[in-house]
Amino acid sequence: MEWLLKIVDLAKIPTKFIGSIAVVCAIVLLLPEPALEKVALLQLREDFGQYFGLCLLVSSSILLVELGIRVYRRVRAHYAGRWLRQHIREHLNRLDVSEKAVLREFFLASARTIKLPIEQPAVSSLMNAGVLEQSSTLGSRTTVGSIFSVSLSDETEAHLNPEHVDIDKFVLHTDDGKWYLNEEGQQWVLNNRPSFMRKLQRHLAIMEGRFW
């Protein structure tokens, strides 16, 4: 169904221009004769009415096709987005050990965005599942892979909780509804960080001019 719209795109014909043609043709063809006579268009309809009719048919068809395609794309995007959100929630419920370790880094940093090596299997798996998203195009090459800023996706941020990453037993809740890790939990997270974190931190420290 998109072939007609592609023709319009190739011809660089603006939709507003096509719409204007349709409106003008409709006016010439549908207005009563007295009204057309007042604006000196009655003779024009009598001489070229069939051409106005053809233009109205073609322009209206293009507009209807474009409208249909836009509606189809929106519906498809809606269902694709819903499927992705459901897929992310399901993935959070079946994280493996290495993926949990990566996600705990966000809790440890108390941030939505951190720097991670996107070529590491656990990071790559989370990104492919939509759990994580690359949030910058600038990165650096290290011995643990290419380092980029990576963020929790909106759906992940909304649903990720301590239970997903095995730290719920270390959580203390406050009266205002917030939570934090106790000292045992903080130490446990530090002892169970991803295997690449030490090299990554060393690289970041060198980049920032700090001693390691």
C-alpha atoms as a PDB file:
ATOM      1  CA  MET A   1       0.000   0.000   0.000  1.00  0.00           C
ATOM      2  CA  GLU A   2       3.000   2.292   0.390  1.00  0.00           C
ATOM      3  CA  TRP A   3       3.886   2.381  -3.315  1.00  0.00           C
ATOM      4  CA  LEU A   4       1.683   5.403  -4.044  1.00  0.00           C
ATOM      5  CA  LEU A   5       3.104   7.359  -1.126  1.00  0.00           C
ATOM      6  CA  LYS A   6       6.640   6.511  -2.300  1.00  0.00           C
ATOM      7  CA  ILE A   7       5.804   8.010  -5.686  1.00  0.00           C
ATOM      8  CA  VAL A   8       4.705  11.214  -3.957  1.00  0.00           C
ATOM      9  CA  ASP A   9       7.855  11.241  -1.834  1.00  0.00           C
ATOM     10  CA  LEU A  10      10.058  10.767  -4.884  1.00  0.00           C
ATOM     11  CA  ALA A  11       8.300  13.608  -6.628  1.00  0.00           C
ATOM     12  CA  LYS A  12       8.788  15.777  -3.532  1.00  0.00           C
ATOM     13  CA  ILE A  13       5.159  16.846  -3.592  1.00  0.00           C
ATOM     14  CA  PRO A  14       4.144  18.219  -0.178  1.00  0.00           C
ATOM     15  CA  THR A  15       1.035  16.712   1.343  1.00  0.00           C
ATOM     16  CA  LYS A  16      -0.344  20.198   1.991  1.00  0.00           C
ATOM     17  CA  PHE A  17      -0.056  20.990  -1.716  1.00  0.00           C
ATOM     18  CA  ILE A  18      -1.933  17.809  -2.633  1.00  0.00           C
ATOM     19  CA  GLY A  19      -4.563  18.669  -0.052  1.00  0.00           C
ATOM     20  CA  SER A  20      -4.918  22.148  -1.520  1.00  0.00           C
ATOM     21  CA  ILE A  21      -5.453  20.685  -4.993  1.00  0.00           C
ATOM     22  CA  ALA A  22      -8.136  18.372  -3.638  1.00  0.00           C
ATOM     23  CA  VAL A  23      -9.919  21.259  -1.923  1.00  0.00           C
ATOM     24  CA  VAL A  24      -9.807  23.484  -5.035  1.00  0.00           C
ATOM     25  CA  CYS A  25     -11.085  20.691  -7.278  1.00  0.00           C
ATOM     26  CA  ALA A  26     -13.866  19.891  -4.812  1.00  0.00           C
ATOM     27  CA  ILE A  27     -14.919  23.550  -4.709  1.00  0.00           C
ATOM     28  CA  VAL A  28     -15.025  23.847  -8.494  1.00  0.00           C
ATOM     29  CA  LEU A  29     -16.968  20.610  -8.884  1.00  0.00           C
ATOM     30  CA  LEU A  30     -19.358  20.797  -5.942  1.00  0.00           C
ATOM     31  CA  LEU A  31     -20.273  24.456  -5.489  1.00  0.00           C
ATOM     32  CA  PRO A  32     -23.688  25.473  -6.860  1.00  0.00           C
ATOM     33  CA  GLU A  33     -23.683  27.256 -10.199  1.00  0.00           C
ATOM     34  CA  PRO A  34     -24.715  30.667  -8.752  1.00  0.00           C
ATOM     35  CA  ALA A  35     -21.758  30.604  -6.387  1.00  0.00           C
ATOM     36  CA  LEU A  36     -19.319  29.642  -9.154  1.00  0.00           C
ATOM     37  CA  GLU A  37     -20.747  32.329 -11.409  1.00  0.00           C
ATOM     38  CA  LYS A  38     -20.045  34.976  -8.787  1.00  0.00           C
ATOM     39  CA  VAL A  39     -16.360  34.052  -8.706  1.00  0.00           C
ATOM     40  CA  ALA A  40     -16.142  33.553 -12.477  1.00  0.00           C
ATOM     41  CA  LEU A  41     -15.459  29.804 -12.264  1.00  0.00           C
ATOM     42  CA  LEU A  42     -18.611  28.419 -13.839  1.00  0.00           C
ATOM     43  CA  GLN A  43     -17.169  28.455 -17.358  1.00  0.00           C
ATOM     44  CA  LEU A  44     -14.026  26.809 -16.065  1.00  0.00           C
ATOM     45  CA  ARG A  45     -16.018  23.875 -14.698  1.00  0.00           C
ATOM     46  CA  GLU A  46     -17.971  23.537 -17.923  1.00  0.00           C
ATOM     47  CA  ASP A  47     -14.791  23.498 -20.028  1.00  0.00           C
ATOM     48  CA  PHE A  48     -12.490  21.439 -17.791  1.00  0.00           C
ATOM     49  CA  GLY A  49     -14.825  19.643 -15.389  1.00  0.00           C
ATOM     50  CA  GLN A  50     -13.544  16.193 -16.299  1.00  0.00           C
ATOM     51  CA  TYR A  51      -9.960  17.229 -15.521  1.00  0.00           C
ATOM     52  CA  PHE A  52     -10.957  18.681 -12.168  1.00  0.00           C
ATOM     53  CA  GLY A  53     -12.753  15.422 -11.442  1.00  0.00           C
ATOM     54  CA  LEU A  54      -9.651  13.410 -12.313  1.00  0.00           C
ATOM     55  CA  CYS A  55      -7.434  15.644 -10.165  1.00  0.00           C
ATOM     56  CA  LEU A  56      -9.875  15.323  -7.281  1.00  0.00           C
ATOM     57  CA  LEU A  57      -9.876  11.544  -7.603  1.00  0.00           C
ATOM     58  CA  VAL A  58      -6.080  11.240  -7.747  1.00  0.00           C
ATOM     59  CA  SER A  59      -5.329  13.765  -4.986  1.00  0.00           C
ATOM     60  CA  SER A  60      -7.987  12.312  -2.681  1.00  0.00           C
ATOM     61  CA  SER A  61      -6.619   8.816  -3.284  1.00  0.00           C
ATOM     62  CA  ILE A  62      -3.109   9.918  -2.375  1.00  0.00           C
ATOM     63  CA  LEU A  63      -4.342  11.618   0.791  1.00  0.00           C
ATOM     64  CA  LEU A  64      -6.389   8.579   1.816  1.00  0.00           C
ATOM     65  CA  VAL A  65      -3.468   6.231   1.199  1.00  0.00           C
ATOM     66  CA  GLU A  66      -1.122   8.446   3.205  1.00  0.00           C
ATOM     67  CA  LEU A  67      -3.647   8.662   6.026  1.00  0.00           C
ATOM     68  CA  GLY A  68      -4.027   4.890   5.997  1.00  0.00           C
ATOM     69  CA  ILE A  69      -0.274   4.360   6.088  1.00  0.00           C
ATOM     70  CA  ARG A  70       0.163   6.787   8.979  1.00  0.00           C
ATOM     71  CA  VAL A  71      -2.592   5.096  10.962  1.00  0.00           C
ATOM     72  CA  TYR A  72      -1.045   1.694  10.191  1.00  0.00           C
ATOM     73  CA  ARG A  73       2.393   2.855  11.323  1.00  0.00           C
ATOM     74  CA  ARG A  74       1.011   4.264  14.555  1.00  0.00           C
ATOM     75  CA  VAL A  75      -0.913   1.087  15.311  1.00  0.00           C
ATOM     76  CA  ARG A  76       2.125  -1.027  14.481  1.00  0.00           C
ATOM     77  CA  ALA A  77       4.354   1.165  16.683  1.00  0.00           C
ATOM     78  CA  HIS A  78       1.827   0.916  19.519  1.00  0.00           C
ATOM     79  CA  TYR A  79       1.753  -2.876  19.431  1.00  0.00           C
ATOM     80  CA  ALA A  80       5.521  -3.105  18.937  1.00  0.00           C
ATOM     81  CA  GLY A  81       6.016  -0.854  21.970  1.00  0.00           C
ATOM     82  CA  ARG A  82       3.598  -2.920  24.023  1.00  0.00           C
ATOM     83  CA  TRP A  83       5.371  -6.124  23.000  1.00  0.00           C
ATOM     84  CA  LEU A  84       8.757  -4.615  23.923  1.00  0.00           C
ATOM     85  CA  ARG A  85       7.514  -3.489  27.342  1.00  0.00           C
ATOM     86  CA  GLN A  86       6.162  -6.953  28.031  1.00  0.00           C
ATOM     87  CA  HIS A  87       9.404  -8.516  26.790  1.00  0.00           C
ATOM     88  CA  ILE A  88      11.469  -6.308  29.126  1.00  0.00           C
ATOM     89  CA  ARG A  89       9.330  -7.226  32.140  1.00  0.00           C
ATOM     90  CA  GLU A  90       9.671 -10.907  31.304  1.00  0.00           C
ATOM     91  CA  HIS A  91      13.432 -10.572  30.870  1.00  0.00           C
ATOM     92  CA  LEU A  92      13.758  -8.916  34.276  1.00  0.00           C
ATOM     93  CA  ASN A  93      12.154 -12.001  35.814  1.00  0.00           C
ATOM     94  CA  ARG A  94      14.680 -14.382  34.248  1.00  0.00           C
ATOM     95  CA  LEU A  95      17.977 -12.548  34.543  1.00  0.00           C
ATOM     96  CA  ASP A  96      21.100 -14.666  34.763  1.00  0.00           C
ATOM     97  CA  VAL A  97      23.812 -14.139  37.351  1.00  0.00           C
ATOM     98  CA  SER A  98      26.019 -11.927  35.180  1.00  0.00           C
ATOM     99  CA  GLU A  99      23.094  -9.728  34.081  1.00  0.00           C
ATOM    100  CA  LYS A 100      22.056  -9.227  37.705  1.00  0.00           C
ATOM    101  CA  ALA A 101      25.594  -8.167  38.555  1.00  0.00           C
ATOM    102  CA  VAL A 102      25.519  -5.543  35.790  1.00  0.00           C
ATOM    103  CA  LEU A 103      22.172  -4.127  36.911  1.00  0.00           C
ATOM    104  CA  ARG A 104      23.372  -3.935  40.524  1.00  0.00           C
ATOM    105  CA  GLU A 105      25.932  -1.386  39.323  1.00  0.00           C
ATOM    106  CA  PHE A 106      23.075   1.062  38.761  1.00  0.00           C
ATOM    107  CA  PHE A 107      21.897   0.575  42.343  1.00  0.00           C
ATOM    108  CA  LEU A 108      25.483   0.945  43.567  1.00  0.00           C
ATOM    109  CA  ALA A 109      25.925   4.204  41.653  1.00  0.00           C
ATOM    110  CA  SER A 110      22.397   5.435  42.533  1.00  0.00           C
ATOM    111  CA  ALA A 111      22.149   6.553  38.919  1.00  0.00           C
ATOM    112  CA  ARG A 112      20.148   5.749  35.824  1.00  0.00           C
ATOM    113  CA  THR A 113      23.157   6.131  33.525  1.00  0.00           C
ATOM    114  CA  ILE A 114      26.630   4.680  33.978  1.00  0.00           C
ATOM    115  CA  LYS A 115      29.560   3.801  31.719  1.00  0.00           C
ATOM    116  CA  LEU A 116      29.741   0.159  30.642  1.00  0.00           C
ATOM    117  CA  PRO A 117      31.584  -1.924  28.041  1.00  0.00           C
ATOM    118  CA  ILE A 118      28.803  -2.690  25.567  1.00  0.00           C
ATOM    119  CA  GLU A 119      30.641  -5.670  24.052  1.00  0.00           C
ATOM    120  CA  GLN A 120      30.596  -7.624  27.279  1.00  0.00           C
ATOM    121  CA  PRO A 121      28.100 -10.527  26.907  1.00  0.00           C
ATOM    122  CA  ALA A 122      25.934  -9.561  29.890  1.00  0.00           C
ATOM    123  CA  VAL A 123      25.740  -5.887  28.843  1.00  0.00           C
ATOM    124  CA  SER A 124      25.068  -6.806  25.217  1.00  0.00           C
ATOM    125  CA  SER A 125      22.311  -9.232  26.267  1.00  0.00           C
ATOM    126  CA  LEU A 126      20.587  -6.577  28.374  1.00  0.00           C
ATOM    127  CA  MET A 127      20.775  -4.061  25.535  1.00  0.00           C
ATOM    128  CA  ASN A 128      19.397  -6.547  23.005  1.00  0.00           C
ATOM    129  CA  ALA A 129      16.485  -7.219  25.358  1.00  0.00           C
ATOM    130  CA  GLY A 130      15.718  -3.491  25.710  1.00  0.00           C
ATOM    131  CA  VAL A 131      16.578  -3.485  29.412  1.00  0.00           C
ATOM    132  CA  LEU A 132      19.487  -1.114  28.789  1.00  0.00           C
ATOM    133  CA  GLU A 133      19.908   1.590  26.150  1.00  0.00           C
ATOM    134  CA  GLN A 134      23.028   3.262  24.809  1.00  0.00           C
ATOM    135  CA  SER A 135      22.669   6.918  25.708  1.00  0.00           C
ATOM    136  CA  SER A 136      25.689   8.419  23.943  1.00  0.00           C
ATOM    137  CA  THR A 137      27.529   8.022  20.658  1.00  0.00           C
ATOM    138  CA  LEU A 138      30.921   8.970  22.074  1.00  0.00           C
ATOM    139  CA  GLY A 139      32.909   6.233  23.734  1.00  0.00           C
ATOM    140  CA  SER A 140      36.409   4.915  24.257  1.00  0.00           C
ATOM    141  CA  ARG A 141      38.191   1.684  23.525  1.00  0.00           C
ATOM    142  CA  THR A 142      39.622  -0.298  26.460  1.00  0.00           C
ATOM    143  CA  THR A 143      40.874  -3.787  27.219  1.00  0.00           C
ATOM    144  CA  VAL A 144      37.377  -4.745  28.409  1.00  0.00           C
ATOM    145  CA  GLY A 145      35.632  -3.429  25.291  1.00  0.00           C
ATOM    146  CA  SER A 146      34.126  -0.212  23.982  1.00  0.00           C
ATOM    147  CA  ILE A 147      32.946   2.007  26.828  1.00  0.00           C
ATOM    148  CA  PHE A 148      29.763   4.034  26.345  1.00  0.00           C
ATOM    149  CA  SER A 149      27.222   5.701  28.594  1.00  0.00           C
ATOM    150  CA  VAL A 150      24.395   3.199  29.080  1.00  0.00           C
ATOM    151  CA  SER A 151      21.023   3.917  30.701  1.00  0.00           C
ATOM    152  CA  LEU A 152      18.147   1.940  32.118  1.00  0.00           C
ATOM    153  CA  SER A 153      15.240   2.014  29.683  1.00  0.00           C
ATOM    154  CA  ASP A 154      12.028   3.692  30.835  1.00  0.00           C
ATOM    155  CA  GLU A 155      10.302   0.331  31.310  1.00  0.00           C
ATOM    156  CA  THR A 156      13.264  -1.044  33.247  1.00  0.00           C
ATOM    157  CA  GLU A 157      13.433   1.979  35.531  1.00  0.00           C
ATOM    158  CA  ALA A 158       9.718   1.661  36.234  1.00  0.00           C
ATOM    159  CA  HIS A 159       9.809  -2.049  37.140  1.00  0.00           C
ATOM    160  CA  LEU A 160      13.336  -2.928  38.286  1.00  0.00           C
ATOM    161  CA  ASN A 161      13.423  -3.672  41.999  1.00  0.00           C
ATOM    162  CA  PRO A 162      15.926  -5.180  44.488  1.00  0.00           C
ATOM    163  CA  GLU A 163      14.323  -8.615  44.202  1.00  0.00           C
ATOM    164  CA  HIS A 164      15.245  -8.829  40.522  1.00  0.00           C
ATOM    165  CA  VAL A 165      18.960  -8.581  41.355  1.00  0.00           C
ATOM    166  CA  ASP A 166      18.979 -10.622  44.605  1.00  0.00           C
ATOM    167  CA  ILE A 167      19.526  -7.767  47.061  1.00  0.00           C
ATOM    168  CA  ASP A 168      16.020  -7.629  48.572  1.00  0.00           C
ATOM    169  CA  LYS A 169      17.211  -9.320  51.777  1.00  0.00           C
ATOM    170  CA  PHE A 170      19.629  -6.429  52.368  1.00  0.00           C
ATOM    171  CA  VAL A 171      17.072  -3.661  51.871  1.00  0.00           C
ATOM    172  CA  LEU A 172      15.930  -1.330  54.633  1.00  0.00           C
ATOM    173  CA  HIS A 173      12.787   0.729  54.058  1.00  0.00           C
ATOM    174  CA  THR A 174      12.211   4.266  55.315  1.00  0.00           C
ATOM    175  CA  ASP A 175       8.973   5.882  56.448  1.00  0.00           C
ATOM    176  CA  ASP A 176       8.773   8.007  53.295  1.00  0.00           C
ATOM    177  CA  GLY A 177       8.645   4.925  51.051  1.00  0.00           C
ATOM    178  CA  LYS A 178      12.286   4.938  50.009  1.00  0.00           C
ATOM    179  CA  TRP A 179      14.804   2.177  50.574  1.00  0.00           C
ATOM    180  CA  TYR A 180      18.555   1.682  50.888  1.00  0.00           C
ATOM    181  CA  LEU A 181      21.042  -1.141  51.301  1.00  0.00           C
ATOM    182  CA  ASN A 182      22.397  -1.960  54.723  1.00  0.00           C
ATOM    183  CA  GLU A 183      26.155  -2.288  55.234  1.00  0.00           C
ATOM    184  CA  GLU A 184      26.084  -6.031  54.697  1.00  0.00           C
ATOM    185  CA  GLY A 185      24.255  -5.531  51.424  1.00  0.00           C
ATOM    186  CA  GLN A 186      26.677  -2.891  50.199  1.00  0.00           C
ATOM    187  CA  GLN A 187      29.601  -5.200  50.952  1.00  0.00           C
ATOM    188  CA  TRP A 188      27.854  -8.134  49.258  1.00  0.00           C
ATOM    189  CA  VAL A 189      27.290  -6.080  46.104  1.00  0.00           C
ATOM    190  CA  LEU A 190      30.942  -5.001  46.084  1.00  0.00           C
ATOM    191  CA  ASN A 191      32.021  -8.635  46.437  1.00  0.00           C
ATOM    192  CA  ASN A 192      29.796  -9.721  43.559  1.00  0.00           C
ATOM    193  CA  ARG A 193      30.483  -7.095  40.929  1.00  0.00           C
ATOM    194  CA  PRO A 194      30.942  -7.993  37.245  1.00  0.00           C
ATOM    195  CA  SER A 195      34.353  -9.457  36.479  1.00  0.00           C
ATOM    196  CA  PHE A 196      35.229  -6.544  34.191  1.00  0.00           C
ATOM    197  CA  MET A 197      34.507  -3.779  36.712  1.00  0.00           C
ATOM    198  CA  ARG A 198      37.982  -3.569  38.234  1.00  0.00           C
ATOM    199  CA  LYS A 199      39.645  -3.045  34.837  1.00  0.00           C
ATOM    200  CA  LEU A 200      36.874  -0.643  33.846  1.00  0.00           C
ATOM    201  CA  GLN A 201      37.289   1.450  36.986  1.00  0.00           C
ATOM    202  CA  ARG A 202      41.022   1.539  36.465  1.00  0.00           C
ATOM    203  CA  HIS A 203      40.551   2.778  32.910  1.00  0.00           C
ATOM    204  CA  LEU A 204      38.056   5.454  34.001  1.00  0.00           C
ATOM    205  CA  ALA A 205      40.385   6.564  36.793  1.00  0.00           C
ATOM    206  CA  ILE A 206      43.261   6.998  34.329  1.00  0.00           C
ATOM    207  CA  MET A 207      41.008   8.976  31.979  1.00  0.00           C
ATOM    208  CA  GLU A 208      40.016  11.257  34.846  1.00  0.00           C
ATOM    209  CA  GLY A 209      43.628  11.713  35.905  1.00  0.00           C
ATOM    210  CA  ARG A 210      43.255   9.859  39.177  1.00  0.00           C
ATOM    211  CA  PHE A 211      45.747   7.388  40.645  1.00  0.00           C
ATOM    212  CA  TRP A 212      44.647   3.786  41.024  1.00  0.00           C
END
